[in-house]
Each structure stands twice: as C-alpha cells, then as structure tokens.
C-alpha atoms as a PDB file:
ATOM      1  CA  MET A   1     256.463  70.110-118.014  1.00  0.00           C
ATOM      2  CA  LYS A   2     259.998  71.473-118.210  1.00  0.00           C
ATOM      3  CA  ARG A   3     262.759  69.004-117.530  1.00  0.00           C
ATOM      4  CA  ASP A   4     266.480  69.523-117.271  1.00  0.00           C
ATOM      5  CA  ARG A   5     267.413  66.619-119.531  1.00  0.00           C
ATOM      6  CA  TYR A   6     265.713  65.321-122.637  1.00  0.00           C
ATOM      7  CA  ILE A   7     266.596  62.297-124.761  1.00  0.00           C
ATOM      8  CA  TYR A   8     264.936  61.845-128.162  1.00  0.00           C
ATOM      9  CA  PRO A   9     265.562  59.493-131.054  1.00  0.00           C
ATOM     10  CA  ALA A  10     266.744  61.129-134.251  1.00  0.00           C
ATOM     11  CA  ILE A  11     266.798  59.622-137.718  1.00  0.00           C
ATOM     12  CA  PHE A  12     270.158  60.154-139.423  1.00  0.00           C
ATOM     13  CA  ASP A  13     269.612  59.842-143.176  1.00  0.00           C
ATOM     14  CA  TYR A  14     272.881  59.178-145.020  1.00  0.00           C
ATOM     15  CA  GLU A  15     273.152  60.462-148.603  1.00  0.00           C
ATOM     16  CA  GLU A  16     276.091  61.243-150.875  1.00  0.00           C
ATOM     17  CA  ASP A  17     275.883  64.954-150.074  1.00  0.00           C
ATOM     18  CA  GLY A  18     275.718  64.603-146.274  1.00  0.00           C
ATOM     19  CA  ILE A  19     273.550  63.527-143.375  1.00  0.00           C
ATOM     20  CA  SER A  20     270.094  64.951-142.816  1.00  0.00           C
ATOM     21  CA  ILE A  21     268.560  64.638-139.367  1.00  0.00           C
ATOM     22  CA  GLU A  22     264.950  64.641-138.245  1.00  0.00           C
ATOM     23  CA  PHE A  23     263.236  63.972-134.945  1.00  0.00           C
ATOM     24  CA  PRO A  24     260.080  61.861-135.483  1.00  0.00           C
ATOM     25  CA  ASP A  25     258.459  63.194-132.291  1.00  0.00           C
ATOM     26  CA  LEU A  26     259.183  66.852-133.038  1.00  0.00           C
ATOM     27  CA  PRO A  27     257.893  67.954-136.456  1.00  0.00           C
ATOM     28  CA  GLY A  28     259.962  70.782-137.864  1.00  0.00           C
ATOM     29  CA  CYS A  29     263.059  69.922-135.848  1.00  0.00           C
ATOM     30  CA  LEU A  30     265.493  69.334-138.709  1.00  0.00           C
ATOM     31  CA  THR A  31     269.198  69.820-139.291  1.00  0.00           C
ATOM     32  CA  SER A  32     272.121  68.303-141.182  1.00  0.00           C
ATOM     33  CA  GLY A  33     275.844  67.654-141.087  1.00  0.00           C
ATOM     34  CA  ASN A  34     278.682  66.363-143.233  1.00  0.00           C
ATOM     35  CA  THR A  35     280.190  63.883-140.770  1.00  0.00           C
ATOM     36  CA  ASP A  36     278.770  61.808-137.909  1.00  0.00           C
ATOM     37  CA  ALA A  37     280.420  64.104-135.347  1.00  0.00           C
ATOM     38  CA  GLU A  38     279.095  67.255-136.983  1.00  0.00           C
ATOM     39  CA  ALA A  39     275.630  65.707-137.438  1.00  0.00           C
ATOM     40  CA  LEU A  40     275.454  64.764-133.742  1.00  0.00           C
ATOM     41  CA  ARG A  41     276.559  68.248-132.667  1.00  0.00           C
ATOM     42  CA  MET A  42     274.000  69.851-134.981  1.00  0.00           C
ATOM     43  CA  ALA A  43     271.302  67.453-133.748  1.00  0.00           C
ATOM     44  CA  LYS A  44     271.975  68.423-130.126  1.00  0.00           C
ATOM     45  CA  ASP A  45     271.791  72.124-131.001  1.00  0.00           C
ATOM     46  CA  ALA A  46     268.596  71.703-133.019  1.00  0.00           C
ATOM     47  CA  LEU A  47     266.948  69.611-130.301  1.00  0.00           C
ATOM     48  CA  ALA A  48     267.823  72.078-127.528  1.00  0.00           C
ATOM     49  CA  LEU A  49     266.629  75.066-129.554  1.00  0.00           C
ATOM     50  CA  HIS A  50     263.388  73.356-130.580  1.00  0.00           C
ATOM     51  CA  LEU A  51     262.565  72.237-127.036  1.00  0.00           C
ATOM     52  CA  TYR A  52     263.471  75.653-125.628  1.00  0.00           C
ATOM     53  CA  GLY A  53     261.043  77.250-128.088  1.00  0.00           C
ATOM     54  CA  MET A  54     258.317  74.815-127.069  1.00  0.00           C
ATOM     55  CA  GLU A  55     258.952  75.586-123.389  1.00  0.00           C
ATOM     56  CA  GLN A  56     258.803  79.326-124.036  1.00  0.00           C
ATOM     57  CA  ASP A  57     255.555  78.964-126.000  1.00  0.00           C
ATOM     58  CA  GLY A  58     254.012  76.807-123.267  1.00  0.00           C
ATOM     59  CA  GLU A  59     253.567  73.878-125.655  1.00  0.00           C
ATOM     60  CA  GLU A  60     253.267  70.358-124.343  1.00  0.00           C
ATOM     61  CA  ILE A  61     256.470  68.427-124.958  1.00  0.00           C
ATOM     62  CA  PRO A  62     255.701  64.921-126.223  1.00  0.00           C
ATOM     63  CA  GLN A  63     257.149  61.728-124.824  1.00  0.00           C
ATOM     64  CA  PRO A  64     259.886  60.256-127.023  1.00  0.00           C
ATOM     65  CA  THR A  65     259.021  57.242-129.134  1.00  0.00           C
ATOM     66  CA  PRO A  66     260.844  54.079-127.981  1.00  0.00           C
ATOM     67  CA  VAL A  67     263.656  53.203-130.385  1.00  0.00           C
ATOM     68  CA  SER A  68     262.203  49.694-130.792  1.00  0.00           C
ATOM     69  CA  GLN A  69     259.153  51.208-132.498  1.00  0.00           C
ATOM     70  CA  LEU A  70     261.140  53.063-135.172  1.00  0.00           C
ATOM     71  CA  ARG A  71     261.825  51.423-138.516  1.00  0.00           C
ATOM     72  CA  PRO A  72     264.707  53.166-140.280  1.00  0.00           C
ATOM     73  CA  LYS A  73     265.362  52.590-143.973  1.00  0.00           C
ATOM     74  CA  THR A  74     268.567  51.002-145.264  1.00  0.00           C
ATOM     75  CA  ASN A  75     270.465  54.313-145.490  1.00  0.00           C
ATOM     76  CA  GLN A  76     269.225  55.529-142.084  1.00  0.00           C
ATOM     77  CA  ALA A  77     270.233  55.070-138.466  1.00  0.00           C
ATOM     78  CA  VAL A  78     268.406  55.816-135.239  1.00  0.00           C
ATOM     79  CA  VAL A  79     270.563  57.868-132.869  1.00  0.00           C
ATOM     80  CA  LEU A  80     269.567  58.837-129.340  1.00  0.00           C
ATOM     81  CA  VAL A  81     270.292  62.535-128.810  1.00  0.00           C
ATOM     82  CA  ASP A  82     270.371  64.008-125.331  1.00  0.00           C
ATOM     83  CA  VAL A  83     270.438  67.615-124.233  1.00  0.00           C
ATOM     84  CA  TRP A  84     271.038  69.193-120.843  1.00  0.00           C
ATOM     85  CA  MET A  85     268.747  72.222-120.820  1.00  0.00           C
ATOM     86  CA  ARG A  86     269.984  74.253-117.832  1.00  0.00           C
ATOM     87  CA  PRO A  87     273.122  75.635-119.503  1.00  0.00           C
ATOM     88  CA  PHE A  88     271.235  76.093-122.779  1.00  0.00           C
ATOM     89  CA  ARG A  89     268.441  78.064-121.048  1.00  0.00           C
ATOM     90  CA  ASP A  90     271.029  80.213-119.244  1.00  0.00           C
ATOM     91  CA  GLU A  91     272.781  80.952-122.536  1.00  0.00           C
ATOM     92  CA  MET A  92     269.536  81.845-124.283  1.00  0.00           C
ATOM     93  CA  GLU A  93     268.418  84.125-121.456  1.00  0.00           C
ATOM     94  CA  GLN A  94     271.712  86.053-121.570  1.00  0.00           C
ATOM     95  CA  ARG A  95     271.190  86.952-125.247  1.00  0.00           C
END
C-alpha cells in the first residue's frame, strides 16, 4: 500500500574512507557519503528512489524493523531516515 511518508532504520557504517549506508528491510537499497550530513541526504534519496521503484513495480513494501531489534557493530549507528513521497513522486513523474 502506498503511503505518503515512510520511516526506515538505516545502518550507517563508519570506515576511514567514508560512511556506507544500508537499509536492513530493503535489500539492495545502498548508498554512501563522506560526512554525516551527506550520508543522511544520500540515504533519503536512496530510500525514496527504492520505495518509488517498489511502488511502480507493485511490490509489497515491508514494515520497518523496530530500532530496538537492530544490533549495530561498534563502528555502526542506526539512523531513522524519513521520506515524504508526494514531492518525490511528482518530481519523478515530470521526468
């Protein structure tokens, strides 16, 4: 079911060469950044694009895993990423 707002936990993995980001509930939804601000911006873009693709393909969008159930490693952090889909859908449909 399409919703206008989604919030999913992302795992930010901090390494010397940057921050890699993955969404445990959305296999294949990956991105990266060099700073926390850039990583969050990239995570929002990746999440919106991934969910938009799932909507377009008619795939079932899974429920997000509660943060309390995630166990990040020492160099990782769990970050809640939210996206507002209406403006993103409008932008994609104008392309």
